[in-house]
Amino acid sequence: MALIPSFFGGRRNNSFDPFSLEIWDPFKDFRFPEISRENSAFVNTYVDWKETPEAHVLKADIPGLKKEEVKVEIEDDRVLQISGERNVEKEEKNNKWHRVERSSGKFLRRFRLPENAKMDQVKASMENGVLTVTVPKEEIKKHDVKAIEISG
């Protein structure tokens, strides 16, 4: 009878009660190891890369950052680099934090661009937390093939 809900008063036990109005929290008594907010990595920088007939288009989700806080760079060996930093919100003594899930810290994503990328015409724009990098394409000239006669 211990699993029967106690509608009529009486003692409740710690058993699962399917009629309870309380929300079950599986992590209620679980303690996560403390991680320094200053050292947490901003690893969730997701990037989509699509190729159109005219260009390679990369879109990165970087919510909460201003364009001044993001860098887009091209290295000599055809590598596109997107980097930046999300700062930790300053803690005040009067505030009580209940949950900290948004990551902070530096992020870096690197992509080797294909041979047909016009490296000198890369453009970047940012709107609503989405960085769009457009790399125009050039037509790759097909190499001339010259048949060599085999002697002998």
N, C-alpha and C. Protein backbone atom coordinates (compact mmCIF):
# COMPACT_ATOMS: atom_id res chain seq x y z
N MET A 1 0.81 -1.19 0.00
CA MET A 1 0.00 0.00 0.00
C MET A 1 0.86 1.26 0.00
N ALA A 2 2.15 1.12 0.07
CA ALA A 2 3.03 2.28 0.17
C ALA A 2 3.03 3.12 -1.10
N LEU A 3 2.73 2.51 -2.26
CA LEU A 3 2.75 3.26 -3.51
C LEU A 3 1.43 3.95 -3.83
N ILE A 4 0.41 3.69 -3.04
CA ILE A 4 -0.89 4.32 -3.27
C ILE A 4 -0.82 5.75 -2.76
N PRO A 5 -1.26 6.73 -3.58
CA PRO A 5 -1.18 8.12 -3.14
C PRO A 5 -2.03 8.35 -1.90
N SER A 6 -1.58 9.27 -1.11
CA SER A 6 -2.27 9.55 0.15
C SER A 6 -3.22 10.73 -0.03
N PHE A 7 -4.41 10.46 -0.58
CA PHE A 7 -5.39 11.52 -0.77
C PHE A 7 -6.11 11.86 0.53
N PHE A 8 -6.12 10.91 1.43
CA PHE A 8 -6.93 11.06 2.62
C PHE A 8 -6.09 11.36 3.85
N GLY A 9 -5.01 12.05 3.63
CA GLY A 9 -4.14 12.38 4.75
C GLY A 9 -3.20 11.23 5.05
N GLY A 10 -2.61 11.26 6.16
CA GLY A 10 -1.68 10.20 6.52
C GLY A 10 -0.27 10.54 6.07
N ARG A 11 0.64 9.61 6.35
CA ARG A 11 2.04 9.84 6.07
C ARG A 11 2.36 9.55 4.62
N ARG A 12 3.17 10.38 4.00
CA ARG A 12 3.67 10.12 2.65
C ARG A 12 5.06 9.56 2.79
N ASN A 13 5.41 8.68 1.90
CA ASN A 13 6.77 8.17 1.95
C ASN A 13 7.57 8.75 0.79
N ASN A 14 8.80 8.34 0.64
CA ASN A 14 9.68 8.86 -0.41
C ASN A 14 9.54 8.11 -1.72
N SER A 15 8.54 7.26 -1.86
CA SER A 15 8.34 6.52 -3.10
C SER A 15 7.84 7.45 -4.20
N PHE A 16 8.03 7.00 -5.43
CA PHE A 16 7.54 7.75 -6.57
C PHE A 16 6.02 7.85 -6.49
N ASP A 17 5.50 9.04 -6.60
CA ASP A 17 4.07 9.27 -6.53
C ASP A 17 3.61 9.83 -7.87
N PRO A 18 2.94 9.00 -8.71
CA PRO A 18 2.54 9.47 -10.03
C PRO A 18 1.49 10.58 -9.99
N PHE A 19 0.86 10.80 -8.85
CA PHE A 19 -0.17 11.82 -8.73
C PHE A 19 0.34 13.09 -8.07
N SER A 20 1.63 13.13 -7.82
CA SER A 20 2.21 14.29 -7.16
C SER A 20 2.21 15.49 -8.08
N LEU A 21 2.01 16.67 -7.53
CA LEU A 21 2.05 17.90 -8.32
C LEU A 21 3.46 18.48 -8.39
N GLU A 22 4.39 17.86 -7.70
CA GLU A 22 5.77 18.33 -7.73
C GLU A 22 6.44 17.91 -9.03
N ILE A 23 7.30 18.77 -9.54
CA ILE A 23 8.06 18.45 -10.76
C ILE A 23 9.29 17.65 -10.35
N TRP A 24 9.47 16.53 -11.01
CA TRP A 24 10.60 15.66 -10.70
C TRP A 24 11.87 16.23 -11.29
N ASP A 25 12.89 16.35 -10.49
CA ASP A 25 14.20 16.82 -10.95
C ASP A 25 15.21 15.72 -10.68
N PRO A 26 15.66 15.01 -11.75
CA PRO A 26 16.57 13.90 -11.53
C PRO A 26 17.93 14.33 -11.00
N PHE A 27 18.27 15.61 -11.12
CA PHE A 27 19.57 16.08 -10.67
C PHE A 27 19.47 16.89 -9.38
N LYS A 28 18.34 16.80 -8.72
CA LYS A 28 18.09 17.60 -7.53
C LYS A 28 19.19 17.45 -6.47
N ASP A 29 19.57 16.23 -6.18
CA ASP A 29 20.57 16.01 -5.15
C ASP A 29 21.96 15.71 -5.71
N PHE A 30 22.10 15.80 -7.02
CA PHE A 30 23.38 15.51 -7.66
C PHE A 30 24.25 16.76 -7.66
N ARG A 31 25.49 16.63 -7.27
CA ARG A 31 26.41 17.77 -7.22
C ARG A 31 27.36 17.71 -8.41
N PHE A 32 27.33 18.71 -9.26
CA PHE A 32 28.27 18.80 -10.36
C PHE A 32 29.56 19.39 -9.84
N PRO A 33 30.71 18.96 -10.38
CA PRO A 33 31.96 19.56 -9.94
C PRO A 33 31.98 21.04 -10.31
N GLU A 34 32.54 21.81 -9.42
CA GLU A 34 32.60 23.25 -9.66
C GLU A 34 33.58 23.54 -10.79
N ILE A 35 33.13 24.33 -11.74
CA ILE A 35 33.97 24.74 -12.86
C ILE A 35 34.07 26.25 -12.80
N SER A 36 35.25 26.75 -12.89
CA SER A 36 35.46 28.19 -12.86
C SER A 36 34.81 28.82 -14.08
N ARG A 37 33.99 29.81 -13.88
CA ARG A 37 33.32 30.46 -15.00
C ARG A 37 34.33 31.17 -15.90
N GLU A 38 35.44 31.61 -15.33
CA GLU A 38 36.44 32.30 -16.13
C GLU A 38 37.17 31.35 -17.07
N ASN A 39 37.24 30.08 -16.73
CA ASN A 39 37.99 29.12 -17.52
C ASN A 39 37.13 28.23 -18.41
N SER A 40 35.83 28.43 -18.38
CA SER A 40 34.98 27.57 -19.20
C SER A 40 35.13 27.95 -20.67
N ALA A 41 35.10 26.97 -21.53
CA ALA A 41 35.32 27.22 -22.95
C ALA A 41 34.01 27.52 -23.65
N PHE A 42 34.05 28.43 -24.58
CA PHE A 42 32.88 28.76 -25.39
C PHE A 42 32.98 27.87 -26.63
N VAL A 43 32.65 26.61 -26.46
CA VAL A 43 32.86 25.62 -27.51
C VAL A 43 31.68 25.50 -28.45
N ASN A 44 30.55 26.03 -28.08
CA ASN A 44 29.35 25.84 -28.89
C ASN A 44 29.22 26.89 -29.99
N THR A 45 30.23 26.99 -30.83
CA THR A 45 30.16 27.87 -31.98
C THR A 45 29.89 27.00 -33.19
N TYR A 46 28.61 26.90 -33.54
CA TYR A 46 28.21 26.03 -34.63
C TYR A 46 28.29 26.77 -35.95
N VAL A 47 28.80 26.09 -36.98
CA VAL A 47 28.99 26.71 -38.29
C VAL A 47 28.40 25.82 -39.36
N ASP A 48 27.62 26.44 -40.26
CA ASP A 48 27.14 25.77 -41.46
C ASP A 48 27.97 26.27 -42.63
N TRP A 49 28.34 25.37 -43.55
CA TRP A 49 29.12 25.74 -44.73
C TRP A 49 28.40 25.16 -45.94
N LYS A 50 27.94 26.07 -46.80
CA LYS A 50 27.31 25.59 -48.03
C LYS A 50 28.05 26.18 -49.22
N GLU A 51 27.97 25.48 -50.33
CA GLU A 51 28.60 25.94 -51.56
C GLU A 51 27.51 26.21 -52.58
N THR A 52 27.49 27.42 -53.10
CA THR A 52 26.57 27.78 -54.17
C THR A 52 27.38 27.84 -55.46
N PRO A 53 26.75 28.01 -56.60
CA PRO A 53 27.53 28.11 -57.84
C PRO A 53 28.50 29.30 -57.83
N GLU A 54 28.19 30.34 -57.04
CA GLU A 54 29.02 31.55 -57.03
C GLU A 54 30.00 31.64 -55.86
N ALA A 55 29.70 30.98 -54.74
CA ALA A 55 30.52 31.22 -53.54
C ALA A 55 30.40 30.09 -52.53
N HIS A 56 31.32 30.13 -51.57
CA HIS A 56 31.24 29.33 -50.35
C HIS A 56 30.66 30.26 -49.29
N VAL A 57 29.62 29.82 -48.59
CA VAL A 57 28.97 30.66 -47.59
C VAL A 57 29.02 29.93 -46.25
N LEU A 58 29.64 30.57 -45.26
CA LEU A 58 29.73 30.01 -43.91
C LEU A 58 28.90 30.88 -42.98
N LYS A 59 28.06 30.23 -42.16
CA LYS A 59 27.24 30.94 -41.18
C LYS A 59 27.54 30.38 -39.81
N ALA A 60 27.89 31.28 -38.88
CA ALA A 60 28.24 30.89 -37.52
C ALA A 60 27.27 31.52 -36.54
N ASP A 61 26.75 30.71 -35.62
CA ASP A 61 25.89 31.22 -34.56
C ASP A 61 26.76 31.73 -33.43
N ILE A 62 26.71 33.02 -33.20
CA ILE A 62 27.47 33.62 -32.09
C ILE A 62 26.59 34.66 -31.38
N PRO A 63 25.54 34.19 -30.72
CA PRO A 63 24.60 35.11 -30.09
C PRO A 63 25.24 35.91 -28.96
N GLY A 64 24.77 37.13 -28.81
CA GLY A 64 25.21 37.97 -27.70
C GLY A 64 26.52 38.70 -27.94
N LEU A 65 27.15 38.50 -29.09
CA LEU A 65 28.41 39.19 -29.37
C LEU A 65 28.18 40.30 -30.38
N LYS A 66 28.97 41.37 -30.24
CA LYS A 66 28.95 42.45 -31.22
C LYS A 66 30.00 42.15 -32.27
N LYS A 67 29.85 42.79 -33.44
CA LYS A 67 30.81 42.52 -34.51
C LYS A 67 32.23 42.91 -34.11
N GLU A 68 32.38 43.85 -33.20
CA GLU A 68 33.71 44.26 -32.74
C GLU A 68 34.38 43.17 -31.89
N GLU A 69 33.60 42.23 -31.39
CA GLU A 69 34.12 41.17 -30.53
C GLU A 69 34.47 39.90 -31.30
N VAL A 70 34.30 39.93 -32.63
CA VAL A 70 34.55 38.76 -33.48
C VAL A 70 35.60 39.12 -34.51
N LYS A 71 36.52 38.19 -34.78
CA LYS A 71 37.54 38.40 -35.81
C LYS A 71 37.39 37.34 -36.90
N VAL A 72 37.49 37.77 -38.14
CA VAL A 72 37.52 36.87 -39.29
C VAL A 72 38.84 37.15 -39.99
N GLU A 73 39.67 36.10 -40.13
CA GLU A 73 41.00 36.26 -40.72
C GLU A 73 41.25 35.18 -41.76
N ILE A 74 42.10 35.51 -42.73
CA ILE A 74 42.52 34.56 -43.75
C ILE A 74 44.03 34.39 -43.62
N GLU A 75 44.46 33.16 -43.51
CA GLU A 75 45.89 32.87 -43.45
C GLU A 75 46.39 32.52 -44.85
N ASP A 76 47.70 32.63 -45.05
CA ASP A 76 48.31 32.41 -46.36
C ASP A 76 48.01 31.03 -46.95
N ASP A 77 47.86 30.05 -46.10
CA ASP A 77 47.66 28.69 -46.61
C ASP A 77 46.17 28.36 -46.76
N ARG A 78 45.38 29.35 -47.17
CA ARG A 78 43.95 29.18 -47.50
C ARG A 78 43.12 28.75 -46.30
N VAL A 79 43.44 29.26 -45.13
CA VAL A 79 42.69 28.91 -43.92
C VAL A 79 41.89 30.12 -43.46
N LEU A 80 40.59 29.91 -43.33
CA LEU A 80 39.69 30.93 -42.79
C LEU A 80 39.57 30.69 -41.30
N GLN A 81 39.78 31.74 -40.51
CA GLN A 81 39.73 31.60 -39.05
C GLN A 81 38.69 32.57 -38.50
N ILE A 82 37.79 32.03 -37.69
CA ILE A 82 36.77 32.83 -36.99
C ILE A 82 37.05 32.70 -35.51
N SER A 83 37.21 33.83 -34.81
CA SER A 83 37.53 33.77 -33.38
C SER A 83 36.86 34.94 -32.66
N GLY A 84 36.83 34.83 -31.36
CA GLY A 84 36.27 35.89 -30.53
C GLY A 84 36.24 35.47 -29.09
N GLU A 85 35.56 36.27 -28.30
CA GLU A 85 35.47 35.97 -26.87
C GLU A 85 34.17 36.51 -26.31
N ARG A 86 33.52 35.66 -25.53
CA ARG A 86 32.34 36.08 -24.78
C ARG A 86 32.79 36.24 -23.34
N ASN A 87 32.59 37.45 -22.81
CA ASN A 87 33.03 37.74 -21.44
C ASN A 87 32.05 37.21 -20.42
N VAL A 88 32.57 36.90 -19.26
CA VAL A 88 31.75 36.43 -18.14
C VAL A 88 30.98 37.61 -17.58
N GLU A 89 29.71 37.38 -17.27
CA GLU A 89 28.92 38.43 -16.64
C GLU A 89 29.47 38.69 -15.25
N LYS A 90 29.63 39.97 -14.91
CA LYS A 90 30.21 40.31 -13.61
C LYS A 90 29.26 39.93 -12.48
N GLU A 91 29.83 39.30 -11.48
CA GLU A 91 29.04 38.90 -10.32
C GLU A 91 29.00 40.05 -9.31
N GLU A 92 27.82 40.29 -8.80
CA GLU A 92 27.66 41.30 -7.77
C GLU A 92 27.30 40.59 -6.47
N LYS A 93 27.71 41.17 -5.36
CA LYS A 93 27.51 40.52 -4.08
C LYS A 93 26.03 40.32 -3.73
N ASN A 94 25.16 41.17 -4.23
CA ASN A 94 23.73 41.07 -3.90
C ASN A 94 23.00 40.05 -4.76
N ASN A 95 23.64 39.55 -5.82
CA ASN A 95 22.99 38.60 -6.71
C ASN A 95 23.15 37.18 -6.23
N LYS A 96 22.13 36.37 -6.45
CA LYS A 96 22.20 34.95 -6.14
C LYS A 96 21.95 34.20 -7.44
N TRP A 97 22.95 33.47 -7.90
CA TRP A 97 22.83 32.73 -9.16
C TRP A 97 22.15 31.40 -8.88
N HIS A 98 21.13 31.07 -9.67
CA HIS A 98 20.44 29.79 -9.56
C HIS A 98 20.95 28.80 -10.59
N ARG A 99 21.39 29.30 -11.73
CA ARG A 99 21.86 28.42 -12.79
C ARG A 99 22.78 29.22 -13.70
N VAL A 100 23.89 28.60 -14.11
CA VAL A 100 24.82 29.21 -15.07
C VAL A 100 25.04 28.18 -16.17
N GLU A 101 24.42 28.40 -17.34
CA GLU A 101 24.53 27.46 -18.46
C GLU A 101 25.20 28.08 -19.67
N ARG A 102 25.11 29.40 -19.82
CA ARG A 102 25.71 30.03 -20.98
C ARG A 102 27.22 30.01 -20.83
N SER A 103 27.88 29.53 -21.85
CA SER A 103 29.33 29.42 -21.76
C SER A 103 29.99 30.75 -22.06
N SER A 104 31.22 30.87 -21.59
CA SER A 104 31.98 32.09 -21.81
C SER A 104 33.41 31.70 -22.07
N GLY A 105 34.16 32.65 -22.56
CA GLY A 105 35.56 32.41 -22.86
C GLY A 105 35.82 32.59 -24.34
N LYS A 106 36.98 32.14 -24.78
CA LYS A 106 37.39 32.32 -26.16
C LYS A 106 36.89 31.18 -27.03
N PHE A 107 36.66 31.48 -28.30
CA PHE A 107 36.33 30.44 -29.26
C PHE A 107 37.16 30.65 -30.51
N LEU A 108 37.37 29.55 -31.24
CA LEU A 108 38.18 29.59 -32.45
C LEU A 108 37.73 28.47 -33.36
N ARG A 109 37.40 28.80 -34.60
CA ARG A 109 37.07 27.80 -35.61
C ARG A 109 37.92 28.09 -36.84
N ARG A 110 38.48 27.03 -37.44
CA ARG A 110 39.35 27.17 -38.61
C ARG A 110 38.85 26.25 -39.72
N PHE A 111 38.89 26.76 -40.96
CA PHE A 111 38.44 26.00 -42.11
C PHE A 111 39.44 26.17 -43.25
N ARG A 112 39.89 25.06 -43.82
CA ARG A 112 40.76 25.12 -45.00
C ARG A 112 39.85 25.27 -46.21
N LEU A 113 40.04 26.36 -46.93
CA LEU A 113 39.20 26.65 -48.08
C LEU A 113 39.73 25.95 -49.33
N PRO A 114 38.84 25.62 -50.25
CA PRO A 114 39.27 24.90 -51.45
C PRO A 114 40.04 25.80 -52.41
N GLU A 115 40.62 25.17 -53.40
CA GLU A 115 41.47 25.86 -54.36
C GLU A 115 40.72 26.94 -55.14
N ASN A 116 39.41 26.77 -55.33
CA ASN A 116 38.65 27.73 -56.13
C ASN A 116 38.18 28.96 -55.35
N ALA A 117 38.61 29.16 -54.12
CA ALA A 117 38.19 30.30 -53.32
C ALA A 117 39.00 31.54 -53.70
N LYS A 118 38.28 32.64 -53.92
CA LYS A 118 38.94 33.93 -54.19
C LYS A 118 39.29 34.55 -52.84
N MET A 119 40.48 34.31 -52.39
CA MET A 119 40.89 34.71 -51.05
C MET A 119 40.92 36.22 -50.86
N ASP A 120 41.09 36.97 -51.92
CA ASP A 120 41.18 38.42 -51.82
C ASP A 120 39.82 39.11 -51.86
N GLN A 121 38.73 38.36 -51.95
CA GLN A 121 37.39 38.96 -52.05
C GLN A 121 36.44 38.46 -50.97
N VAL A 122 36.96 37.97 -49.86
CA VAL A 122 36.13 37.46 -48.77
C VAL A 122 35.40 38.62 -48.10
N LYS A 123 34.12 38.41 -47.81
CA LYS A 123 33.30 39.43 -47.13
C LYS A 123 32.63 38.78 -45.92
N ALA A 124 32.43 39.59 -44.87
CA ALA A 124 31.77 39.10 -43.66
C ALA A 124 30.74 40.12 -43.20
N SER A 125 29.61 39.61 -42.70
CA SER A 125 28.59 40.48 -42.14
C SER A 125 27.98 39.78 -40.93
N MET A 126 27.35 40.58 -40.07
CA MET A 126 26.76 39.99 -38.87
C MET A 126 25.40 40.61 -38.62
N GLU A 127 24.40 39.74 -38.39
CA GLU A 127 23.06 40.21 -38.13
C GLU A 127 22.35 39.21 -37.20
N ASN A 128 21.76 39.74 -36.14
CA ASN A 128 20.98 38.93 -35.19
C ASN A 128 21.77 37.75 -34.64
N GLY A 129 23.03 37.95 -34.32
CA GLY A 129 23.84 36.89 -33.73
C GLY A 129 24.33 35.84 -34.70
N VAL A 130 24.20 36.09 -36.01
CA VAL A 130 24.68 35.15 -37.01
C VAL A 130 25.73 35.85 -37.86
N LEU A 131 26.94 35.31 -37.86
CA LEU A 131 28.02 35.80 -38.70
C LEU A 131 27.95 35.07 -40.03
N THR A 132 27.95 35.82 -41.14
CA THR A 132 27.94 35.23 -42.47
C THR A 132 29.22 35.62 -43.18
N VAL A 133 30.00 34.62 -43.58
CA VAL A 133 31.24 34.85 -44.32
C VAL A 133 31.02 34.30 -45.72
N THR A 134 31.22 35.17 -46.71
CA THR A 134 31.03 34.78 -48.11
C THR A 134 32.37 34.80 -48.81
N VAL A 135 32.73 33.66 -49.39
CA VAL A 135 34.00 33.52 -50.11
C VAL A 135 33.66 33.22 -51.57
N PRO A 136 33.80 34.24 -52.45
CA PRO A 136 33.49 34.00 -53.87
C PRO A 136 34.38 32.91 -54.45
N LYS A 137 33.85 32.26 -55.49
CA LYS A 137 34.59 31.19 -56.16
C LYS A 137 35.08 31.68 -57.52
N GLU A 138 36.19 31.12 -57.95
CA GLU A 138 36.68 31.36 -59.30
C GLU A 138 36.69 30.04 -60.04
N GLU A 139 36.59 30.13 -61.32
CA GLU A 139 36.59 28.92 -62.12
C GLU A 139 38.02 28.39 -62.20
N ILE A 140 38.17 27.16 -61.88
CA ILE A 140 39.49 26.54 -61.96
C ILE A 140 39.75 26.14 -63.40
N LYS A 141 40.88 26.63 -63.90
CA LYS A 141 41.23 26.28 -65.27
C LYS A 141 41.66 24.82 -65.31
N LYS A 142 41.12 24.13 -66.26
CA LYS A 142 41.52 22.73 -66.43
C LYS A 142 42.89 22.73 -67.08
N HIS A 143 43.72 21.86 -66.58
CA HIS A 143 45.07 21.76 -67.12
C HIS A 143 45.03 21.14 -68.51
N ASP A 144 45.83 21.71 -69.39
CA ASP A 144 45.94 21.13 -70.72
C ASP A 144 46.65 19.80 -70.62
N VAL A 145 46.11 18.82 -71.29
CA VAL A 145 46.71 17.51 -71.30
C VAL A 145 47.36 17.31 -72.66
N LYS A 146 48.63 17.01 -72.63
CA LYS A 146 49.36 16.80 -73.88
C LYS A 146 49.78 15.34 -73.91
N ALA A 147 49.37 14.67 -74.94
CA ALA A 147 49.74 13.26 -75.09
C ALA A 147 51.21 13.15 -75.47
N ILE A 148 51.90 12.22 -74.84
CA ILE A 148 53.31 11.96 -75.12
C ILE A 148 53.39 10.64 -75.84
N GLU A 149 54.03 10.68 -76.97
CA GLU A 149 54.19 9.46 -77.74
C GLU A 149 55.26 8.59 -77.10
N ILE A 150 54.97 7.35 -76.97
CA ILE A 150 55.90 6.40 -76.35
C ILE A 150 56.73 5.76 -77.47
N SER A 151 58.03 5.90 -77.34
CA SER A 151 58.90 5.30 -78.35
C SER A 151 59.30 3.92 -77.92
N GLY A 152 59.74 3.21 -78.92
CA GLY A 152 60.37 2.03 -78.57
C GLY A 152 60.13 0.71 -78.94
